[in-house]
Amino acid sequence: MISPETIERVRSLMEEASVFEEDLEESFILGGGPGGQKTNKTSNVVRLSHGPSGLMVRCGETRSRETNRWLARRMLAELILERERVRKSAARQAAEKIRRQKRRRSRRQKQKMLADKHARSEVKRLRSVYGIILES
């Protein structure tokens, strides 16, 4: 049996993730795996489909259908929140990358870069046939 405090936590999580009961499509499936005859003969596995996000969650962790219903709701809400966090993180990383690309180099960095370029061009000049002829 699931406690009322847990139910309230799941409801607040669903509210945070903007998951509403009317958006959910719930179905029950015949269970399987460990749990004995009770699991194998009853439809205690819960499948939740969330229309707006297109996500589907399947939960059959316990032998109780009621507990699985709340666990499935919690899993769905956590999945939606995680997708949102990843999306925001990717946007933040892209903005940070652009900011770094646009940042000006310091004087010291610029001098080092130019010195490296001159050294590289000297190596290439000496490698060419014309560079050797010009030296003679």
N, C-alpha and C. Protein backbone atom coordinates (compact mmCIF):
# COMPACT_ATOMS: atom_id res chain seq x y z
N MET A 1 0.85 -1.19 0.00
CA MET A 1 0.00 0.00 0.00
C MET A 1 0.89 1.24 0.00
N ILE A 2 0.50 2.21 -0.74
CA ILE A 2 1.27 3.44 -0.87
C ILE A 2 0.70 4.49 0.10
N SER A 3 1.58 5.25 0.74
CA SER A 3 1.15 6.19 1.78
C SER A 3 0.59 7.48 1.16
N PRO A 4 -0.26 8.18 1.90
CA PRO A 4 -0.81 9.45 1.40
C PRO A 4 0.28 10.50 1.15
N GLU A 5 1.35 10.47 1.94
CA GLU A 5 2.44 11.44 1.74
C GLU A 5 3.13 11.19 0.39
N THR A 6 3.31 9.92 0.06
CA THR A 6 3.92 9.58 -1.23
C THR A 6 3.03 10.02 -2.38
N ILE A 7 1.73 9.82 -2.22
CA ILE A 7 0.78 10.25 -3.26
C ILE A 7 0.86 11.75 -3.46
N GLU A 8 0.96 12.50 -2.36
CA GLU A 8 1.07 13.96 -2.47
C GLU A 8 2.38 14.37 -3.15
N ARG A 9 3.46 13.67 -2.83
CA ARG A 9 4.75 13.98 -3.48
C ARG A 9 4.66 13.73 -4.98
N VAL A 10 4.01 12.64 -5.36
CA VAL A 10 3.87 12.32 -6.79
C VAL A 10 3.00 13.37 -7.47
N ARG A 11 1.93 13.78 -6.80
CA ARG A 11 1.06 14.82 -7.39
C ARG A 11 1.80 16.14 -7.57
N SER A 12 2.61 16.52 -6.59
CA SER A 12 3.36 17.77 -6.73
C SER A 12 4.41 17.66 -7.84
N LEU A 13 5.01 16.48 -7.97
CA LEU A 13 5.97 16.24 -9.05
C LEU A 13 5.28 16.33 -10.41
N MET A 14 4.07 15.76 -10.49
CA MET A 14 3.31 15.83 -11.74
C MET A 14 2.93 17.27 -12.06
N GLU A 15 2.58 18.03 -11.05
CA GLU A 15 2.23 19.44 -11.26
C GLU A 15 3.44 20.22 -11.75
N GLU A 16 4.61 19.94 -11.17
CA GLU A 16 5.84 20.61 -11.59
C GLU A 16 6.18 20.29 -13.04
N ALA A 17 5.89 19.06 -13.45
CA ALA A 17 6.19 18.62 -14.82
C ALA A 17 5.05 18.95 -15.79
N SER A 18 4.00 19.57 -15.31
CA SER A 18 2.82 19.91 -16.12
C SER A 18 2.18 18.67 -16.73
N VAL A 19 2.04 17.63 -15.91
CA VAL A 19 1.37 16.40 -16.32
C VAL A 19 0.01 16.39 -15.64
N PHE A 20 -1.05 16.38 -16.44
CA PHE A 20 -2.40 16.41 -15.90
C PHE A 20 -3.08 15.08 -16.16
N GLU A 21 -3.95 14.69 -15.24
CA GLU A 21 -4.63 13.39 -15.34
C GLU A 21 -5.40 13.25 -16.64
N GLU A 22 -5.99 14.33 -17.14
CA GLU A 22 -6.78 14.24 -18.37
C GLU A 22 -5.91 14.00 -19.61
N ASP A 23 -4.60 14.26 -19.50
CA ASP A 23 -3.68 14.02 -20.62
C ASP A 23 -3.16 12.59 -20.64
N LEU A 24 -3.43 11.83 -19.58
CA LEU A 24 -2.89 10.49 -19.46
C LEU A 24 -3.86 9.45 -20.00
N GLU A 25 -3.32 8.47 -20.69
CA GLU A 25 -4.10 7.32 -21.13
C GLU A 25 -3.51 6.10 -20.42
N GLU A 26 -4.32 5.48 -19.59
CA GLU A 26 -3.84 4.40 -18.73
C GLU A 26 -4.39 3.07 -19.20
N SER A 27 -3.52 2.06 -19.26
CA SER A 27 -3.98 0.71 -19.59
C SER A 27 -3.23 -0.28 -18.71
N PHE A 28 -3.83 -1.43 -18.52
CA PHE A 28 -3.26 -2.45 -17.64
C PHE A 28 -2.93 -3.69 -18.47
N ILE A 29 -1.77 -4.25 -18.19
CA ILE A 29 -1.25 -5.36 -18.97
C ILE A 29 -1.00 -6.54 -18.04
N LEU A 30 -1.10 -7.72 -18.58
CA LEU A 30 -0.80 -8.92 -17.82
C LEU A 30 0.67 -8.91 -17.42
N GLY A 31 0.92 -9.15 -16.13
CA GLY A 31 2.28 -9.09 -15.62
C GLY A 31 3.07 -10.34 -15.93
N GLY A 32 4.33 -10.32 -15.55
CA GLY A 32 5.20 -11.47 -15.74
C GLY A 32 6.43 -11.32 -14.88
N GLY A 33 7.24 -12.33 -14.86
CA GLY A 33 8.48 -12.26 -14.10
C GLY A 33 8.30 -12.72 -12.67
N PRO A 34 9.21 -12.30 -11.77
CA PRO A 34 9.12 -12.75 -10.38
C PRO A 34 7.87 -12.20 -9.71
N GLY A 35 7.32 -12.94 -8.78
CA GLY A 35 6.11 -12.53 -8.07
C GLY A 35 5.11 -13.65 -8.00
N GLY A 36 5.38 -14.72 -8.70
CA GLY A 36 4.52 -15.90 -8.59
C GLY A 36 3.28 -15.83 -9.43
N GLN A 37 2.33 -16.69 -9.06
CA GLN A 37 1.10 -16.84 -9.83
C GLN A 37 0.28 -15.56 -9.85
N LYS A 38 0.30 -14.80 -8.75
CA LYS A 38 -0.47 -13.56 -8.68
C LYS A 38 -0.05 -12.60 -9.79
N THR A 39 1.25 -12.48 -9.99
CA THR A 39 1.75 -11.57 -11.03
C THR A 39 1.42 -12.07 -12.42
N ASN A 40 1.53 -13.35 -12.63
CA ASN A 40 1.35 -13.90 -13.97
C ASN A 40 -0.11 -13.98 -14.40
N LYS A 41 -1.05 -13.98 -13.46
CA LYS A 41 -2.46 -14.15 -13.82
C LYS A 41 -3.28 -12.87 -13.73
N THR A 42 -2.68 -11.79 -13.19
CA THR A 42 -3.45 -10.55 -13.04
C THR A 42 -2.85 -9.45 -13.91
N SER A 43 -3.68 -8.49 -14.25
CA SER A 43 -3.23 -7.35 -15.06
C SER A 43 -2.79 -6.24 -14.12
N ASN A 44 -1.61 -6.39 -13.56
CA ASN A 44 -1.14 -5.40 -12.59
C ASN A 44 -0.05 -4.48 -13.14
N VAL A 45 0.40 -4.69 -14.35
CA VAL A 45 1.38 -3.80 -14.97
C VAL A 45 0.64 -2.62 -15.59
N VAL A 46 1.13 -1.42 -15.31
CA VAL A 46 0.47 -0.19 -15.77
C VAL A 46 1.26 0.41 -16.92
N ARG A 47 0.56 0.78 -17.99
CA ARG A 47 1.17 1.49 -19.10
C ARG A 47 0.49 2.85 -19.20
N LEU A 48 1.30 3.91 -19.07
CA LEU A 48 0.79 5.28 -19.16
C LEU A 48 1.29 5.92 -20.45
N SER A 49 0.39 6.53 -21.18
CA SER A 49 0.76 7.30 -22.37
C SER A 49 0.41 8.75 -22.11
N HIS A 50 1.38 9.62 -22.36
CA HIS A 50 1.15 11.05 -22.17
C HIS A 50 1.05 11.69 -23.55
N GLY A 51 -0.14 12.15 -23.90
CA GLY A 51 -0.40 12.68 -25.23
C GLY A 51 0.46 13.86 -25.64
N PRO A 52 0.53 14.94 -24.84
CA PRO A 52 1.29 16.12 -25.26
C PRO A 52 2.77 15.86 -25.52
N SER A 53 3.40 15.00 -24.74
CA SER A 53 4.83 14.75 -24.94
C SER A 53 5.09 13.54 -25.81
N GLY A 54 4.10 12.66 -25.96
CA GLY A 54 4.27 11.46 -26.75
C GLY A 54 5.06 10.37 -26.04
N LEU A 55 5.24 10.51 -24.74
CA LEU A 55 6.00 9.52 -23.97
C LEU A 55 5.10 8.40 -23.47
N MET A 56 5.70 7.22 -23.32
CA MET A 56 4.98 6.08 -22.79
C MET A 56 5.84 5.43 -21.72
N VAL A 57 5.23 5.12 -20.57
CA VAL A 57 5.94 4.52 -19.45
C VAL A 57 5.23 3.24 -19.07
N ARG A 58 6.02 2.21 -18.74
CA ARG A 58 5.46 0.92 -18.34
C ARG A 58 6.04 0.58 -16.98
N CYS A 59 5.19 0.26 -16.01
CA CYS A 59 5.65 -0.02 -14.65
C CYS A 59 4.97 -1.27 -14.11
N GLY A 60 5.78 -2.22 -13.71
CA GLY A 60 5.29 -3.44 -13.09
C GLY A 60 6.21 -3.85 -11.96
N GLU A 61 6.67 -2.88 -11.18
CA GLU A 61 7.66 -3.15 -10.14
C GLU A 61 7.09 -3.96 -8.98
N THR A 62 5.83 -3.74 -8.65
CA THR A 62 5.25 -4.44 -7.51
C THR A 62 4.10 -5.32 -7.97
N ARG A 63 3.54 -6.09 -7.04
CA ARG A 63 2.40 -6.95 -7.37
C ARG A 63 1.09 -6.18 -7.27
N SER A 64 1.15 -4.97 -6.73
CA SER A 64 -0.06 -4.18 -6.54
C SER A 64 -0.30 -3.25 -7.73
N ARG A 65 -1.50 -3.31 -8.28
CA ARG A 65 -1.84 -2.44 -9.40
C ARG A 65 -1.85 -0.97 -8.96
N GLU A 66 -2.40 -0.69 -7.79
CA GLU A 66 -2.51 0.69 -7.29
C GLU A 66 -1.12 1.30 -7.09
N THR A 67 -0.21 0.54 -6.50
CA THR A 67 1.15 1.05 -6.29
C THR A 67 1.83 1.29 -7.63
N ASN A 68 1.64 0.38 -8.58
CA ASN A 68 2.24 0.56 -9.91
C ASN A 68 1.68 1.78 -10.62
N ARG A 69 0.41 2.11 -10.38
CA ARG A 69 -0.18 3.30 -11.00
C ARG A 69 0.56 4.56 -10.56
N TRP A 70 0.84 4.67 -9.25
CA TRP A 70 1.52 5.87 -8.75
C TRP A 70 3.00 5.86 -9.13
N LEU A 71 3.59 4.69 -9.14
CA LEU A 71 4.99 4.61 -9.56
C LEU A 71 5.16 5.00 -11.03
N ALA A 72 4.20 4.59 -11.86
CA ALA A 72 4.25 4.95 -13.28
C ALA A 72 4.10 6.46 -13.46
N ARG A 73 3.22 7.08 -12.68
CA ARG A 73 3.05 8.53 -12.76
C ARG A 73 4.33 9.25 -12.34
N ARG A 74 4.96 8.75 -11.29
CA ARG A 74 6.22 9.35 -10.84
C ARG A 74 7.29 9.20 -11.92
N MET A 75 7.40 8.02 -12.51
CA MET A 75 8.39 7.79 -13.57
C MET A 75 8.17 8.72 -14.75
N LEU A 76 6.93 8.90 -15.15
CA LEU A 76 6.60 9.77 -16.28
C LEU A 76 6.98 11.22 -15.97
N ALA A 77 6.62 11.70 -14.78
CA ALA A 77 6.93 13.08 -14.41
C ALA A 77 8.44 13.30 -14.36
N GLU A 78 9.18 12.34 -13.79
CA GLU A 78 10.63 12.47 -13.72
C GLU A 78 11.26 12.45 -15.11
N LEU A 79 10.72 11.64 -16.00
CA LEU A 79 11.22 11.57 -17.37
C LEU A 79 11.02 12.90 -18.11
N ILE A 80 9.85 13.48 -17.93
CA ILE A 80 9.55 14.77 -18.58
C ILE A 80 10.46 15.87 -18.02
N LEU A 81 10.65 15.88 -16.69
CA LEU A 81 11.52 16.90 -16.09
C LEU A 81 12.96 16.73 -16.54
N GLU A 82 13.42 15.49 -16.67
CA GLU A 82 14.79 15.24 -17.12
C GLU A 82 14.98 15.69 -18.57
N ARG A 83 14.00 15.43 -19.42
CA ARG A 83 14.08 15.90 -20.81
C ARG A 83 14.16 17.42 -20.86
N GLU A 84 13.42 18.09 -20.01
CA GLU A 84 13.43 19.55 -19.97
C GLU A 84 14.79 20.07 -19.49
N ARG A 85 15.36 19.40 -18.47
CA ARG A 85 16.68 19.81 -17.98
C ARG A 85 17.74 19.64 -19.06
N VAL A 86 17.68 18.54 -19.79
CA VAL A 86 18.65 18.30 -20.86
C VAL A 86 18.51 19.34 -21.95
N ARG A 87 17.27 19.68 -22.30
CA ARG A 87 17.04 20.67 -23.35
C ARG A 87 17.59 22.04 -22.93
N LYS A 88 17.33 22.43 -21.68
CA LYS A 88 17.83 23.72 -21.19
C LYS A 88 19.35 23.72 -21.11
N SER A 89 19.92 22.60 -20.69
CA SER A 89 21.37 22.50 -20.58
C SER A 89 22.02 22.63 -21.96
N ALA A 90 21.43 21.98 -22.96
CA ALA A 90 21.98 22.06 -24.32
C ALA A 90 21.91 23.48 -24.85
N ALA A 91 20.82 24.17 -24.58
CA ALA A 91 20.68 25.56 -25.03
C ALA A 91 21.71 26.44 -24.32
N ARG A 92 21.92 26.21 -23.03
CA ARG A 92 22.89 26.98 -22.26
C ARG A 92 24.31 26.73 -22.77
N GLN A 93 24.61 25.47 -23.10
CA GLN A 93 25.94 25.14 -23.62
C GLN A 93 26.17 25.78 -24.98
N ALA A 94 25.15 25.80 -25.82
CA ALA A 94 25.29 26.42 -27.14
C ALA A 94 25.53 27.92 -27.01
N ALA A 95 24.81 28.57 -26.10
CA ALA A 95 25.00 30.00 -25.90
C ALA A 95 26.39 30.29 -25.34
N GLU A 96 26.85 29.46 -24.44
CA GLU A 96 28.19 29.63 -23.86
C GLU A 96 29.28 29.43 -24.92
N LYS A 97 29.08 28.48 -25.82
CA LYS A 97 30.05 28.23 -26.88
C LYS A 97 30.16 29.45 -27.80
N ILE A 98 29.02 30.03 -28.15
CA ILE A 98 29.02 31.23 -29.00
C ILE A 98 29.70 32.38 -28.29
N ARG A 99 29.44 32.52 -26.98
CA ARG A 99 30.05 33.59 -26.21
C ARG A 99 31.57 33.43 -26.19
N ARG A 100 32.05 32.19 -26.02
CA ARG A 100 33.50 31.94 -26.01
C ARG A 100 34.11 32.23 -27.38
N GLN A 101 33.39 31.88 -28.44
CA GLN A 101 33.91 32.11 -29.79
C GLN A 101 34.03 33.61 -30.09
N LYS A 102 33.13 34.39 -29.58
CA LYS A 102 33.12 35.83 -29.88
C LYS A 102 34.07 36.62 -28.98
N ARG A 103 34.54 36.00 -27.90
CA ARG A 103 35.40 36.71 -26.96
C ARG A 103 36.72 37.06 -27.62
N ARG A 104 37.22 38.26 -27.34
CA ARG A 104 38.51 38.69 -27.91
C ARG A 104 39.64 38.00 -27.17
N ARG A 105 40.74 37.79 -27.90
CA ARG A 105 41.92 37.20 -27.28
C ARG A 105 42.66 38.25 -26.46
N SER A 106 43.35 37.79 -25.45
CA SER A 106 44.19 38.72 -24.69
C SER A 106 45.43 39.05 -25.52
N ARG A 107 46.16 40.10 -25.13
CA ARG A 107 47.35 40.51 -25.87
C ARG A 107 48.37 39.38 -25.92
N ARG A 108 48.54 38.74 -24.79
CA ARG A 108 49.53 37.66 -24.70
C ARG A 108 49.14 36.49 -25.61
N GLN A 109 47.86 36.14 -25.61
CA GLN A 109 47.37 35.05 -26.47
C GLN A 109 47.60 35.39 -27.94
N LYS A 110 47.30 36.64 -28.29
CA LYS A 110 47.44 37.06 -29.68
C LYS A 110 48.91 37.03 -30.11
N GLN A 111 49.81 37.49 -29.24
CA GLN A 111 51.24 37.47 -29.56
C GLN A 111 51.73 36.04 -29.74
N LYS A 112 51.32 35.14 -28.87
CA LYS A 112 51.72 33.74 -28.96
C LYS A 112 51.20 33.11 -30.25
N MET A 113 49.93 33.40 -30.58
CA MET A 113 49.33 32.86 -31.79
C MET A 113 50.10 33.34 -33.03
N LEU A 114 50.41 34.63 -33.07
CA LEU A 114 51.14 35.18 -34.22
C LEU A 114 52.55 34.61 -34.31
N ALA A 115 53.20 34.42 -33.17
CA ALA A 115 54.54 33.83 -33.17
C ALA A 115 54.48 32.40 -33.70
N ASP A 116 53.49 31.64 -33.29
CA ASP A 116 53.33 30.28 -33.79
C ASP A 116 53.07 30.27 -35.29
N LYS A 117 52.27 31.21 -35.77
CA LYS A 117 51.99 31.29 -37.20
C LYS A 117 53.26 31.61 -37.99
N HIS A 118 54.05 32.54 -37.47
CA HIS A 118 55.29 32.90 -38.17
C HIS A 118 56.25 31.71 -38.20
N ALA A 119 56.34 30.99 -37.10
CA ALA A 119 57.22 29.81 -37.05
C ALA A 119 56.74 28.76 -38.04
N ARG A 120 55.45 28.54 -38.11
CA ARG A 120 54.90 27.55 -39.04
C ARG A 120 55.15 27.97 -40.49
N SER A 121 54.96 29.25 -40.78
CA SER A 121 55.18 29.71 -42.16
C SER A 121 56.65 29.59 -42.54
N GLU A 122 57.53 29.78 -41.58
CA GLU A 122 58.97 29.62 -41.85
C GLU A 122 59.29 28.17 -42.19
N VAL A 123 58.71 27.23 -41.46
CA VAL A 123 58.92 25.81 -41.74
C VAL A 123 58.42 25.48 -43.14
N LYS A 124 57.25 25.99 -43.50
CA LYS A 124 56.70 25.71 -44.83
C LYS A 124 57.55 26.37 -45.93
N ARG A 125 58.04 27.57 -45.66
CA ARG A 125 58.85 28.27 -46.66
C ARG A 125 60.13 27.51 -46.93
N LEU A 126 60.75 26.99 -45.89
CA LEU A 126 62.00 26.24 -46.06
C LEU A 126 61.77 24.90 -46.72
N ARG A 127 60.58 24.37 -46.64
CA ARG A 127 60.27 23.08 -47.24
C ARG A 127 60.12 23.19 -48.76
N SER A 128 59.71 24.35 -49.25
CA SER A 128 59.47 24.49 -50.67
C SER A 128 60.78 24.60 -51.46
N VAL A 129 60.71 24.27 -52.71
CA VAL A 129 61.88 24.35 -53.60
C VAL A 129 62.29 25.80 -53.79
N TYR A 130 61.32 26.68 -53.91
CA TYR A 130 61.61 28.08 -54.17
C TYR A 130 62.24 28.74 -52.97
N GLY A 131 61.87 28.28 -51.79
CA GLY A 131 62.48 28.85 -50.57
C GLY A 131 63.97 28.57 -50.51
N ILE A 132 64.38 27.40 -50.96
CA ILE A 132 65.79 27.03 -50.92
C ILE A 132 66.56 27.82 -51.99
N ILE A 133 65.96 28.00 -53.17
CA ILE A 133 66.61 28.75 -54.25
C ILE A 133 66.79 30.21 -53.85
N LEU A 134 65.79 30.75 -53.21
CA LEU A 134 65.87 32.15 -52.80
C LEU A 134 66.95 32.37 -51.77
N GLU A 135 67.24 31.36 -50.95
CA GLU A 135 68.26 31.45 -49.91
C GLU A 135 69.65 31.45 -50.55
N SER A 136 69.87 30.80 -51.67
CA SER A 136 71.20 30.65 -52.27
C SER A 136 71.72 31.92 -52.86
